[in-house]
N, C-alpha and C. Protein backbone atom coordinates (compact mmCIF):
# COMPACT_ATOMS: atom_id res chain seq x y z
N MET A 1 193.62 21.69 57.64
CA MET A 1 194.92 21.94 56.62
C MET A 1 195.25 23.17 56.53
N LYS A 2 194.08 24.23 56.48
CA LYS A 2 194.29 25.80 56.19
C LYS A 2 194.77 26.13 57.22
N ARG A 3 194.73 25.69 58.81
CA ARG A 3 194.93 26.27 60.07
C ARG A 3 196.70 25.65 59.97
N TYR A 4 196.97 24.59 59.51
CA TYR A 4 198.68 24.46 59.31
C TYR A 4 199.42 25.37 58.22
N LEU A 5 198.61 25.58 57.05
CA LEU A 5 199.24 26.49 56.41
C LEU A 5 199.23 27.84 56.81
N LEU A 6 198.17 28.17 57.28
CA LEU A 6 198.09 29.79 57.75
C LEU A 6 199.68 30.03 58.89
N PHE A 7 199.48 28.63 59.62
CA PHE A 7 200.56 28.41 60.59
C PHE A 7 201.81 28.98 60.35
N PHE A 8 202.07 27.79 59.26
CA PHE A 8 203.98 27.95 58.53
C PHE A 8 203.74 29.48 57.65
N ALA A 9 202.74 29.97 57.40
CA ALA A 9 202.90 31.06 56.77
C ALA A 9 203.37 32.27 57.50
N PHE A 10 202.71 32.19 58.63
CA PHE A 10 202.91 33.23 59.98
C PHE A 10 204.62 32.84 60.32
N LEU A 11 204.83 31.37 60.55
CA LEU A 11 205.79 31.15 61.17
C LEU A 11 207.10 31.20 60.26
N LEU A 12 206.92 31.20 59.02
CA LEU A 12 208.36 31.05 58.09
C LEU A 12 209.09 32.69 58.09
N PRO A 13 208.43 33.73 57.86
CA PRO A 13 208.96 34.94 57.74
C PRO A 13 210.05 35.37 59.23
N LEU A 14 209.59 35.01 60.60
CA LEU A 14 209.79 34.40 61.50
C LEU A 14 211.26 33.64 61.80
N LEU A 15 211.51 32.84 61.21
CA LEU A 15 212.37 31.62 61.00
C LEU A 15 213.48 31.66 60.41
N CYS A 16 213.04 32.34 58.64
CA CYS A 16 214.19 32.40 57.81
C CYS A 16 215.35 33.61 58.47
N PRO A 17 214.69 34.54 59.26
CA PRO A 17 216.13 35.67 59.60
C PRO A 17 217.07 34.87 60.21
N LEU A 18 216.53 33.98 61.42
CA LEU A 18 217.10 32.68 62.24
C LEU A 18 217.90 31.89 61.57
N SER A 19 217.40 31.06 60.71
CA SER A 19 218.38 30.16 60.05
C SER A 19 219.36 30.87 58.93
N ALA A 20 219.18 32.03 58.24
CA ALA A 20 220.16 32.65 57.47
C ALA A 20 221.19 33.25 58.56
N GLN A 21 220.86 33.78 59.62
CA GLN A 21 221.56 34.10 60.46
C GLN A 21 222.85 32.97 60.97
N ASN A 22 222.05 32.06 61.22
CA ASN A 22 222.83 30.66 61.71
C ASN A 22 223.78 30.21 60.51
N TRP A 23 223.25 29.88 59.41
CA TRP A 23 224.13 29.80 58.46
C TRP A 23 225.15 30.52 58.54
N ASP A 24 224.93 31.83 58.19
CA ASP A 24 226.18 33.06 58.21
C ASP A 24 227.38 32.79 59.16
N ILE A 25 226.74 32.65 60.91
CA ILE A 25 227.94 32.42 61.61
C ILE A 25 228.46 31.10 61.63
N ASN A 26 227.75 30.09 61.16
CA ASN A 26 228.02 28.63 61.01
C ASN A 26 229.38 28.75 60.29
N THR A 27 228.89 29.01 58.62
CA THR A 27 229.79 28.91 57.64
C THR A 27 231.25 29.99 57.96
N VAL A 28 231.16 30.87 58.29
CA VAL A 28 232.28 31.73 58.71
C VAL A 28 233.16 31.23 59.88
N HIS A 29 232.47 30.64 60.84
CA HIS A 29 232.99 30.03 61.88
C HIS A 29 234.04 28.51 61.07
N ARG A 30 233.18 27.78 59.99
CA ARG A 30 233.85 26.52 59.59
C ARG A 30 235.10 27.24 58.69
N VAL A 31 234.88 28.15 58.00
CA VAL A 31 236.01 28.38 56.89
C VAL A 31 237.23 29.11 58.03
N ASN A 32 236.49 29.89 58.58
CA ASN A 32 237.62 30.62 59.66
C ASN A 32 238.68 29.39 60.35
N SER A 33 238.00 28.36 60.60
CA SER A 33 238.75 27.07 61.34
C SER A 33 239.56 26.43 60.46
N TRP A 34 239.79 26.59 59.20
CA TRP A 34 240.67 25.59 58.17
C TRP A 34 242.27 26.12 58.53
N ASP A 35 243.03 25.26 58.90
CA ASP A 35 244.23 25.45 59.80
C ASP A 35 244.96 24.97 58.43
N GLY A 36 246.49 25.23 59.10
CA GLY A 36 247.48 24.52 58.08
C GLY A 36 248.38 25.82 57.86
N ARG A 37 249.49 25.62 57.56
CA ARG A 37 250.22 26.81 57.03
C ARG A 37 250.28 27.41 55.73
N PHE A 38 250.13 25.96 54.98
CA PHE A 38 249.70 26.50 53.66
C PHE A 38 248.56 27.25 53.34
N ILE A 39 247.39 26.81 53.79
CA ILE A 39 245.91 27.45 53.69
C ILE A 39 246.15 29.04 54.31
N ARG A 40 246.74 28.96 55.39
CA ARG A 40 246.83 30.28 56.42
C ARG A 40 247.44 31.47 55.11
N ASP A 41 248.71 30.88 54.73
CA ASP A 41 249.60 31.91 54.15
C ASP A 41 248.99 32.08 52.45
N TYR A 42 248.27 31.19 51.90
CA TYR A 42 247.76 31.06 50.80
C TYR A 42 246.37 32.53 51.04
N ASN A 43 245.62 32.09 51.89
CA ASN A 43 244.59 33.27 52.26
C ASN A 43 245.12 34.55 52.70
N LYS A 44 245.96 34.73 52.87
CA LYS A 44 246.78 35.97 53.47
C LYS A 44 247.13 36.54 52.39
N VAL A 45 247.81 35.55 51.36
CA VAL A 45 248.55 36.29 50.20
C VAL A 45 247.42 36.98 49.47
N VAL A 46 246.40 36.00 49.05
CA VAL A 46 245.18 36.33 48.36
C VAL A 46 244.23 37.31 48.74
N SER A 47 244.50 37.65 50.00
CA SER A 47 243.54 38.68 50.62
C SER A 47 244.30 40.04 50.52
N LYS A 48 245.71 40.06 50.55
CA LYS A 48 246.22 41.25 50.09
C LYS A 48 246.66 41.47 49.07
N SER A 49 246.53 40.69 48.11
CA SER A 49 246.86 40.92 46.83
C SER A 49 245.59 41.56 46.14
N GLU A 50 244.72 42.00 46.57
CA GLU A 50 243.49 42.44 45.84
C GLU A 50 243.50 44.07 45.84
N PRO A 51 243.98 44.76 46.57
CA PRO A 51 244.17 46.05 46.04
C PRO A 51 245.10 46.13 45.32
N TYR A 52 246.13 45.66 45.41
CA TYR A 52 247.49 45.54 44.16
C TYR A 52 246.93 45.26 43.09
N LEU A 53 246.17 44.28 42.69
CA LEU A 53 245.73 43.71 41.42
C LEU A 53 244.83 44.72 40.89
N ALA A 54 243.56 45.18 41.77
CA ALA A 54 242.39 45.88 41.41
C ALA A 54 242.84 47.03 40.94
N VAL A 55 244.09 47.80 41.45
CA VAL A 55 244.29 48.97 40.93
C VAL A 55 245.40 48.85 40.14
N GLY A 56 246.23 47.94 39.95
CA GLY A 56 247.48 47.84 39.23
C GLY A 56 247.03 47.31 37.75
N ILE A 57 246.19 46.33 37.71
CA ILE A 57 246.07 45.97 36.38
C ILE A 57 245.21 47.08 35.45
N PRO A 58 244.41 47.69 35.70
CA PRO A 58 243.99 48.75 35.08
C PRO A 58 244.86 50.02 34.84
N VAL A 59 245.83 50.33 35.90
CA VAL A 59 246.62 51.28 35.80
C VAL A 59 247.89 50.84 34.71
N ALA A 60 248.08 49.39 34.59
CA ALA A 60 249.19 48.88 33.55
C ALA A 60 248.65 48.78 32.32
N MET A 61 247.37 48.41 32.04
CA MET A 61 246.62 48.63 30.94
C MET A 61 246.89 50.14 30.39
N ALA A 62 246.46 51.15 31.11
CA ALA A 62 246.25 52.77 31.00
C ALA A 62 247.96 52.98 30.32
N LEU A 63 248.94 52.73 31.40
CA LEU A 63 250.12 52.77 30.82
C LEU A 63 250.81 52.30 29.58
N THR A 64 250.60 50.86 29.35
CA THR A 64 250.76 50.30 28.31
C THR A 64 250.05 50.89 27.02
N ALA A 65 248.79 51.33 27.12
CA ALA A 65 247.83 51.92 25.80
C ALA A 65 248.35 53.17 25.46
N TRP A 66 249.11 54.12 26.44
CA TRP A 66 249.79 55.31 26.50
C TRP A 66 251.05 55.32 25.74
N ILE A 67 251.77 54.11 26.01
CA ILE A 67 253.31 53.87 25.68
C ILE A 67 252.93 53.36 24.23
N LYS A 68 252.15 52.67 23.81
CA LYS A 68 252.27 51.87 22.49
C LYS A 68 250.87 52.90 21.51
N ASP A 69 250.30 54.00 21.99
CA ASP A 69 249.51 54.77 21.42
C ASP A 69 248.26 54.06 20.78
N ASP A 70 247.54 52.91 21.77
CA ASP A 70 246.76 52.22 21.50
C ASP A 70 245.09 52.55 22.17
N ARG A 71 244.69 53.24 21.65
CA ARG A 71 243.39 53.42 21.47
C ARG A 71 242.61 52.74 22.32
N ASP A 72 242.33 51.23 21.51
CA ASP A 72 241.20 50.39 21.96
C ASP A 72 241.74 49.87 23.32
N LEU A 73 243.23 49.78 23.43
CA LEU A 73 243.77 49.24 25.01
C LEU A 73 243.13 50.43 26.12
N LEU A 74 243.13 51.47 25.34
CA LEU A 74 243.13 52.55 26.60
C LEU A 74 241.53 52.65 26.75
N LYS A 75 240.68 52.23 25.80
CA LYS A 75 239.32 52.39 26.37
C LYS A 75 238.81 50.89 27.15
N ASP A 76 239.71 49.75 27.13
CA ASP A 76 239.55 48.77 27.96
C ASP A 76 239.97 49.35 29.31
N ALA A 77 241.23 49.64 29.37
CA ALA A 77 241.98 50.27 30.61
C ALA A 77 240.47 51.11 31.56
N VAL A 78 240.12 52.07 30.59
CA VAL A 78 238.96 52.92 31.26
C VAL A 78 237.63 52.10 31.70
N TYR A 79 237.19 51.34 31.08
CA TYR A 79 236.26 50.17 31.13
C TYR A 79 236.58 49.68 32.54
N VAL A 80 237.76 48.70 32.58
CA VAL A 80 238.01 48.01 33.80
C VAL A 80 238.14 48.73 35.31
N GLY A 81 239.06 49.90 34.88
CA GLY A 81 239.30 50.90 36.09
C GLY A 81 237.86 51.45 36.63
N THR A 82 236.96 51.93 35.51
CA THR A 82 235.88 52.53 36.35
C THR A 82 234.70 51.34 36.79
N SER A 83 234.93 50.19 36.29
CA SER A 83 234.17 48.98 37.12
C SER A 83 234.57 48.88 38.35
N VAL A 84 236.07 48.92 38.56
CA VAL A 84 236.56 48.62 40.05
C VAL A 84 236.29 49.76 40.76
N ALA A 85 236.67 50.87 40.35
CA ALA A 85 236.28 52.00 41.03
C ALA A 85 234.81 51.91 41.35
N GLY A 86 233.80 51.63 40.54
CA GLY A 86 232.42 51.80 40.71
C GLY A 86 232.05 50.65 41.93
N ALA A 87 232.82 49.65 42.16
CA ALA A 87 232.55 48.61 42.87
C ALA A 87 232.76 49.25 44.13
N PHE A 88 234.02 50.11 44.30
CA PHE A 88 234.61 50.31 45.72
C PHE A 88 233.64 51.26 45.99
N VAL A 89 233.26 52.07 45.37
CA VAL A 89 232.43 53.13 45.85
C VAL A 89 231.01 52.86 46.44
N VAL A 90 230.23 51.72 45.76
CA VAL A 90 229.29 51.40 46.11
C VAL A 90 229.17 50.36 47.08
N THR A 91 230.35 49.36 47.53
CA THR A 91 230.41 48.78 48.77
C THR A 91 230.80 49.42 49.87
N TYR A 92 231.51 50.55 49.41
CA TYR A 92 231.97 51.57 51.29
C TYR A 92 230.73 52.52 51.32
N GLY A 93 229.93 53.01 50.28
CA GLY A 93 228.80 53.66 50.88
C GLY A 93 227.59 52.79 51.60
N LEU A 94 227.53 51.42 51.07
CA LEU A 94 226.69 50.65 51.92
C LEU A 94 227.30 50.49 53.09
N LYS A 95 228.58 49.75 53.27
CA LYS A 95 229.02 49.38 54.34
C LYS A 95 228.55 50.34 55.61
N TYR A 96 228.56 51.53 55.44
CA TYR A 96 228.58 52.70 56.63
C TYR A 96 226.72 52.78 56.46
N LEU A 97 226.52 52.22 55.27
CA LEU A 97 224.74 52.76 55.44
C LEU A 97 224.13 51.55 56.31
N VAL A 98 224.80 50.64 56.13
CA VAL A 98 223.91 49.15 57.04
C VAL A 98 224.86 49.08 58.25
N GLY A 99 226.17 49.52 58.49
CA GLY A 99 226.82 49.09 59.72
C GLY A 99 226.77 47.97 60.53
N ARG A 100 227.04 46.48 59.60
CA ARG A 100 227.17 45.46 60.29
C ARG A 100 228.63 45.17 60.92
N ASP A 101 228.59 44.68 62.24
CA ASP A 101 229.72 44.19 63.03
C ASP A 101 230.84 42.87 62.08
N ARG A 102 231.83 43.41 61.92
CA ARG A 102 232.49 42.19 61.95
C ARG A 102 232.60 41.10 62.44
N PRO A 103 232.41 39.84 62.04
CA PRO A 103 232.06 38.48 62.66
C PRO A 103 232.93 38.22 63.82
N TYR A 104 234.31 38.84 63.89
CA TYR A 104 235.42 38.48 65.01
C TYR A 104 234.56 39.64 66.38
N GLU A 105 234.09 40.88 65.76
CA GLU A 105 233.51 41.64 66.85
C GLU A 105 232.26 40.87 67.41
N ARG A 106 231.22 40.78 66.43
CA ARG A 106 229.95 39.81 67.13
C ARG A 106 230.28 38.61 67.70
N TYR A 107 230.96 37.83 67.15
CA TYR A 107 231.36 36.47 67.72
C TYR A 107 232.54 36.25 68.12
N PRO A 108 233.09 37.06 69.35
CA PRO A 108 234.79 36.54 69.40
C PRO A 108 234.74 35.33 70.20
N ASP A 109 233.93 34.47 70.78
CA ASP A 109 234.20 33.10 70.77
C ASP A 109 234.10 32.29 69.87
N ARG A 110 233.48 32.55 68.71
CA ARG A 110 233.52 31.45 67.49
C ARG A 110 234.26 31.96 66.28
N VAL A 111 234.82 33.19 66.26
CA VAL A 111 235.62 33.67 65.23
C VAL A 111 237.09 34.41 65.52
N HIS A 112 238.16 33.98 64.89
CA HIS A 112 239.29 34.39 65.28
C HIS A 112 239.83 35.65 64.28
N PRO A 113 240.18 36.71 64.51
CA PRO A 113 240.39 37.73 63.36
C PRO A 113 241.86 37.46 63.22
N TYR A 114 242.52 36.87 61.67
CA TYR A 114 243.84 36.91 61.19
C TYR A 114 244.13 38.41 60.83
N SER A 115 243.31 39.53 60.53
CA SER A 115 243.63 40.53 60.43
C SER A 115 242.26 41.45 61.00
N LEU A 116 242.73 42.64 61.33
CA LEU A 116 241.65 43.60 61.94
C LEU A 116 241.38 44.47 60.64
N GLU A 117 240.21 44.65 60.52
CA GLU A 117 239.64 45.66 59.93
C GLU A 117 238.86 47.08 60.50
N SER A 118 238.66 48.38 59.98
CA SER A 118 238.43 49.34 60.84
C SER A 118 236.83 49.55 60.27
N SER A 119 236.73 49.12 59.32
CA SER A 119 235.17 49.70 58.72
C SER A 119 234.03 48.50 58.79
N PRO A 120 232.65 48.65 58.65
CA PRO A 120 231.97 47.65 58.87
C PRO A 120 231.93 46.81 57.83
N SER A 121 231.14 45.45 58.19
CA SER A 121 231.31 44.15 57.65
C SER A 121 230.61 44.34 56.16
N PHE A 122 229.91 44.80 56.18
CA PHE A 122 228.48 44.45 54.95
C PHE A 122 228.63 45.52 53.94
N PRO A 123 228.71 45.05 52.42
CA PRO A 123 229.33 44.02 51.97
C PRO A 123 230.81 44.10 51.55
N SER A 124 231.46 42.93 51.16
CA SER A 124 232.70 42.89 51.12
C SER A 124 233.15 43.49 50.38
N GLY A 125 234.32 44.36 50.64
CA GLY A 125 234.66 45.40 49.56
C GLY A 125 235.61 44.69 48.72
N HIS A 126 236.60 44.00 49.24
CA HIS A 126 237.85 43.33 48.87
C HIS A 126 237.05 42.60 47.59
N THR A 127 236.07 41.61 48.14
CA THR A 127 235.24 40.45 47.33
C THR A 127 235.07 41.45 45.84
N ALA A 128 234.03 42.44 46.36
CA ALA A 128 233.52 43.47 45.42
C ALA A 128 234.52 43.94 44.22
N THR A 129 235.54 44.57 44.77
CA THR A 129 236.33 45.06 43.59
C THR A 129 237.14 43.82 42.59
N ALA A 130 237.50 42.60 43.68
CA ALA A 130 238.04 41.64 42.92
C ALA A 130 236.91 40.88 41.75
N PHE A 131 235.76 40.87 42.08
CA PHE A 131 234.57 40.34 41.22
C PHE A 131 234.64 41.57 40.18
N ALA A 132 234.70 42.75 40.25
CA ALA A 132 234.42 43.72 39.17
C ALA A 132 235.88 43.32 38.25
N LEU A 133 236.79 43.52 38.80
CA LEU A 133 238.09 43.38 37.73
C LEU A 133 237.89 41.98 37.23
N ALA A 134 237.76 40.64 37.77
CA ALA A 134 237.60 39.57 36.92
C ALA A 134 236.31 39.51 35.69
N THR A 135 235.08 39.87 36.35
CA THR A 135 234.46 40.14 35.33
C THR A 135 234.57 41.20 34.05
N SER A 136 234.96 42.23 34.52
CA SER A 136 235.42 43.10 33.42
C SER A 136 236.31 42.83 32.37
N LEU A 137 237.52 42.19 33.13
CA LEU A 137 238.51 41.39 32.43
C LEU A 137 237.94 40.48 31.42
N SER A 138 237.16 39.65 31.83
CA SER A 138 236.55 38.31 30.99
C SER A 138 235.50 38.98 30.11
N ILE A 139 234.88 39.92 30.03
CA ILE A 139 233.98 40.61 29.15
C ILE A 139 234.72 40.87 28.01
N ARG A 140 235.80 41.79 28.49
CA ARG A 140 236.49 42.47 27.31
C ARG A 140 237.58 41.54 26.75
N TYR A 141 237.76 40.27 27.31
CA TYR A 141 238.91 39.34 27.04
C TYR A 141 238.59 37.97 26.88
N PRO A 142 237.15 37.99 26.12
CA PRO A 142 236.45 36.51 26.52
C PRO A 142 237.27 35.24 26.31
N LYS A 143 238.47 34.86 26.79
CA LYS A 143 239.11 33.57 26.70
C LYS A 143 239.36 32.82 27.59
N TRP A 144 239.56 31.71 27.53
CA TRP A 144 239.60 30.71 28.56
C TRP A 144 240.85 30.95 29.56
N TYR A 145 241.91 31.52 29.17
CA TYR A 145 243.40 31.87 29.75
C TYR A 145 242.93 33.26 30.61
N VAL A 146 242.11 34.03 30.18
CA VAL A 146 241.55 35.15 31.10
C VAL A 146 240.21 34.72 32.27
N ILE A 147 239.28 34.07 31.80
CA ILE A 147 238.28 33.81 32.59
C ILE A 147 238.44 32.92 33.89
N ALA A 148 239.36 31.79 33.35
CA ALA A 148 239.70 30.62 34.42
C ALA A 148 240.48 31.21 35.43
N PRO A 149 241.88 31.78 35.30
CA PRO A 149 242.50 32.42 36.45
C PRO A 149 241.92 33.47 37.04
N SER A 150 241.14 34.46 36.16
CA SER A 150 240.28 35.70 37.28
C SER A 150 239.60 35.31 37.87
N ALA A 151 238.55 34.37 37.64
CA ALA A 151 237.47 33.50 38.28
C ALA A 151 238.09 33.28 39.55
N LEU A 152 239.15 32.22 39.52
CA LEU A 152 239.85 31.54 40.64
C LEU A 152 239.96 32.63 41.60
N TRP A 153 240.64 33.45 40.90
CA TRP A 153 241.31 34.44 42.06
C TRP A 153 240.37 35.31 42.60
N ALA A 154 239.07 35.76 42.03
CA ALA A 154 238.05 36.47 42.65
C ALA A 154 237.53 35.51 43.61
N CYS A 155 237.16 34.23 43.49
CA CYS A 155 236.72 33.39 44.33
C CYS A 155 237.27 33.20 45.63
N SER A 156 238.46 33.04 45.24
CA SER A 156 239.60 32.75 46.29
C SER A 156 239.97 33.77 46.99
N VAL A 157 239.72 35.33 46.74
CA VAL A 157 239.54 36.33 47.42
C VAL A 157 238.24 36.35 48.49
N GLY A 158 237.30 36.16 47.85
CA GLY A 158 236.06 35.80 48.87
C GLY A 158 236.31 34.88 49.79
N VAL A 159 236.87 33.82 49.79
CA VAL A 159 236.81 32.64 50.38
C VAL A 159 237.94 33.26 51.72
N SER A 160 239.03 33.74 51.28
CA SER A 160 239.94 34.26 52.15
C SER A 160 239.51 35.34 52.99
N ARG A 161 238.69 36.06 52.73
CA ARG A 161 238.18 36.97 53.88
C ARG A 161 237.42 36.36 54.65
N MET A 162 236.78 35.41 54.50
CA MET A 162 236.07 34.37 55.67
C MET A 162 236.98 33.79 56.65
N ASN A 163 238.06 33.16 55.75
CA ASN A 163 239.37 32.60 56.46
C ASN A 163 239.87 33.40 57.59
N GLU A 164 240.24 34.94 57.00
CA GLU A 164 240.67 35.76 57.89
C GLU A 164 239.85 36.01 59.12
N GLY A 165 238.42 35.79 58.90
CA GLY A 165 237.66 35.97 59.81
C GLY A 165 236.84 37.40 59.88
N VAL A 166 237.05 38.07 58.61
CA VAL A 166 236.65 39.33 58.45
C VAL A 166 235.38 39.39 58.03
N HIS A 167 234.90 38.58 57.16
CA HIS A 167 233.67 38.72 56.90
C HIS A 167 232.49 37.41 56.97
N TYR A 168 231.41 37.50 56.79
CA TYR A 168 230.45 36.40 56.60
C TYR A 168 230.28 35.80 55.15
N PRO A 169 229.80 35.09 55.06
CA PRO A 169 229.70 34.45 53.44
C PRO A 169 228.59 35.50 52.66
N SER A 170 227.69 35.92 53.69
CA SER A 170 226.54 36.89 52.92
C SER A 170 226.96 38.21 52.75
N ASP A 171 228.37 38.71 53.51
CA ASP A 171 229.07 39.70 52.80
C ASP A 171 229.72 39.40 51.48
N VAL A 172 230.25 38.15 51.51
CA VAL A 172 231.19 37.86 50.46
C VAL A 172 230.25 37.64 49.20
N LEU A 173 228.96 37.37 49.49
CA LEU A 173 228.18 37.02 48.20
C LEU A 173 227.62 38.33 47.81
N ALA A 174 227.31 39.10 48.62
CA ALA A 174 226.70 40.26 48.19
C ALA A 174 227.92 41.16 47.52
N GLY A 175 228.80 41.17 47.88
CA GLY A 175 230.28 41.64 47.31
C GLY A 175 230.54 41.24 45.58
N ALA A 176 230.34 39.77 45.79
CA ALA A 176 230.59 39.52 44.51
C ALA A 176 229.04 39.62 43.48
N ALA A 177 228.17 39.95 43.98
CA ALA A 177 227.10 40.34 43.07
C ALA A 177 226.94 41.70 42.75
N ILE A 178 227.68 42.39 43.68
CA ILE A 178 227.97 43.88 43.37
C ILE A 178 229.10 44.23 42.45
N GLY A 179 230.15 43.59 42.56
CA GLY A 179 231.24 43.52 41.68
C GLY A 179 231.15 43.07 40.55
N ALA A 180 230.26 41.83 40.03
CA ALA A 180 230.02 41.46 38.61
C ALA A 180 228.91 42.26 38.13
N GLY A 181 227.92 42.58 39.10
CA GLY A 181 226.51 43.42 38.33
C GLY A 181 227.13 44.80 37.59
N LEU A 182 228.14 45.26 38.84
CA LEU A 182 228.68 46.69 38.00
C LEU A 182 229.46 46.65 36.73
N ALA A 183 230.15 45.54 37.04
CA ALA A 183 230.87 45.29 35.52
C ALA A 183 230.00 44.98 34.29
N VAL A 184 229.17 44.34 34.35
CA VAL A 184 228.05 44.28 33.56
C VAL A 184 227.51 45.56 32.98
N ALA A 185 226.77 46.11 34.20
CA ALA A 185 226.01 47.45 33.90
C ALA A 185 227.15 48.50 33.37
N ASN A 186 228.47 48.38 33.27
CA ASN A 186 229.32 49.58 33.41
C ASN A 186 229.81 49.38 31.51
N VAL A 187 229.59 48.11 30.98
CA VAL A 187 229.38 47.80 29.53
C VAL A 187 228.65 48.96 28.83
N TYR A 188 227.44 49.16 29.16
CA TYR A 188 226.56 50.34 28.49
C TYR A 188 227.28 51.80 29.18
N ILE A 189 227.33 51.93 30.37
CA ILE A 189 227.83 53.10 30.95
C ILE A 189 228.97 53.48 30.16
N ASN A 190 229.96 52.76 29.63
CA ASN A 190 230.83 53.01 29.05
C ASN A 190 230.74 53.55 27.78
N ARG A 191 229.73 52.83 27.02
CA ARG A 191 229.47 53.01 25.58
C ARG A 191 229.48 55.07 25.79
N TRP A 192 228.63 55.44 26.66
CA TRP A 192 228.54 56.85 26.99
C TRP A 192 229.81 57.50 27.29
N LEU A 193 230.49 56.81 28.06
CA LEU A 193 231.83 57.53 28.51
C LEU A 193 232.66 57.79 27.48
N ASN A 194 232.89 56.61 26.17
CA ASN A 194 233.61 56.69 25.08
C ASN A 194 233.53 57.26 24.39
N ARG A 195 232.04 58.19 24.24
CA ARG A 195 231.71 59.24 23.31
C ARG A 195 232.04 60.66 23.76
N TRP A 196 232.03 60.42 25.50
CA TRP A 196 232.46 61.83 26.07
C TRP A 196 234.16 62.10 26.35
N LEU A 197 234.62 60.74 26.19
CA LEU A 197 236.21 61.02 26.42
C LEU A 197 236.79 60.87 24.89
N PHE A 198 236.46 60.02 24.41
CA PHE A 198 236.85 59.74 23.21
C PHE A 198 236.25 59.95 21.46
N GLY A 199 234.79 60.55 21.64
CA GLY A 199 234.21 61.07 20.63
C GLY A 199 233.85 59.83 19.96
N ASP A 200 233.89 58.82 20.13
CA ASP A 200 233.19 57.45 19.44
C ASP A 200 231.69 57.27 19.64
């Protein structure tokens, strides 16, 4: 019995990376294969919407706060904006540190690119900033009509990146964890930032 346990204890670390890699490529292959005009168009629109919404929403909040002279809204805009910016910086730093090939580069026979990207694959920057935006908005405005659409949009961004053939699911999951995690951590960072900016 001990011999079998030792054998499996030795074999498990060798097999886990293989099964994880197989899961990664099999999943992106499956999602990339989803076809139909509506699915392709939806994923393309969602994927392209990410930079506009991730930057546009905190900027719109800041402009509205400035016009209305609303200090609390300005604090919210700073919190949401710094959450998105933090996710962007961390993911792009990790991309070049890890240097993972895109799925369509590594497996051209299994994954078709519907858009081309010049940066490395891991983690997904689009997903990270989408989740940073969705999480920070949900923390600041914990209402179902904010949480539900922002969560749906952020998840759709992650799926769209796989459907486009530019990310593995592990890229997307890592991006989601980074974005949501930074938005939560930024609650505490912004307490210091608010004291520095607003004297609170």
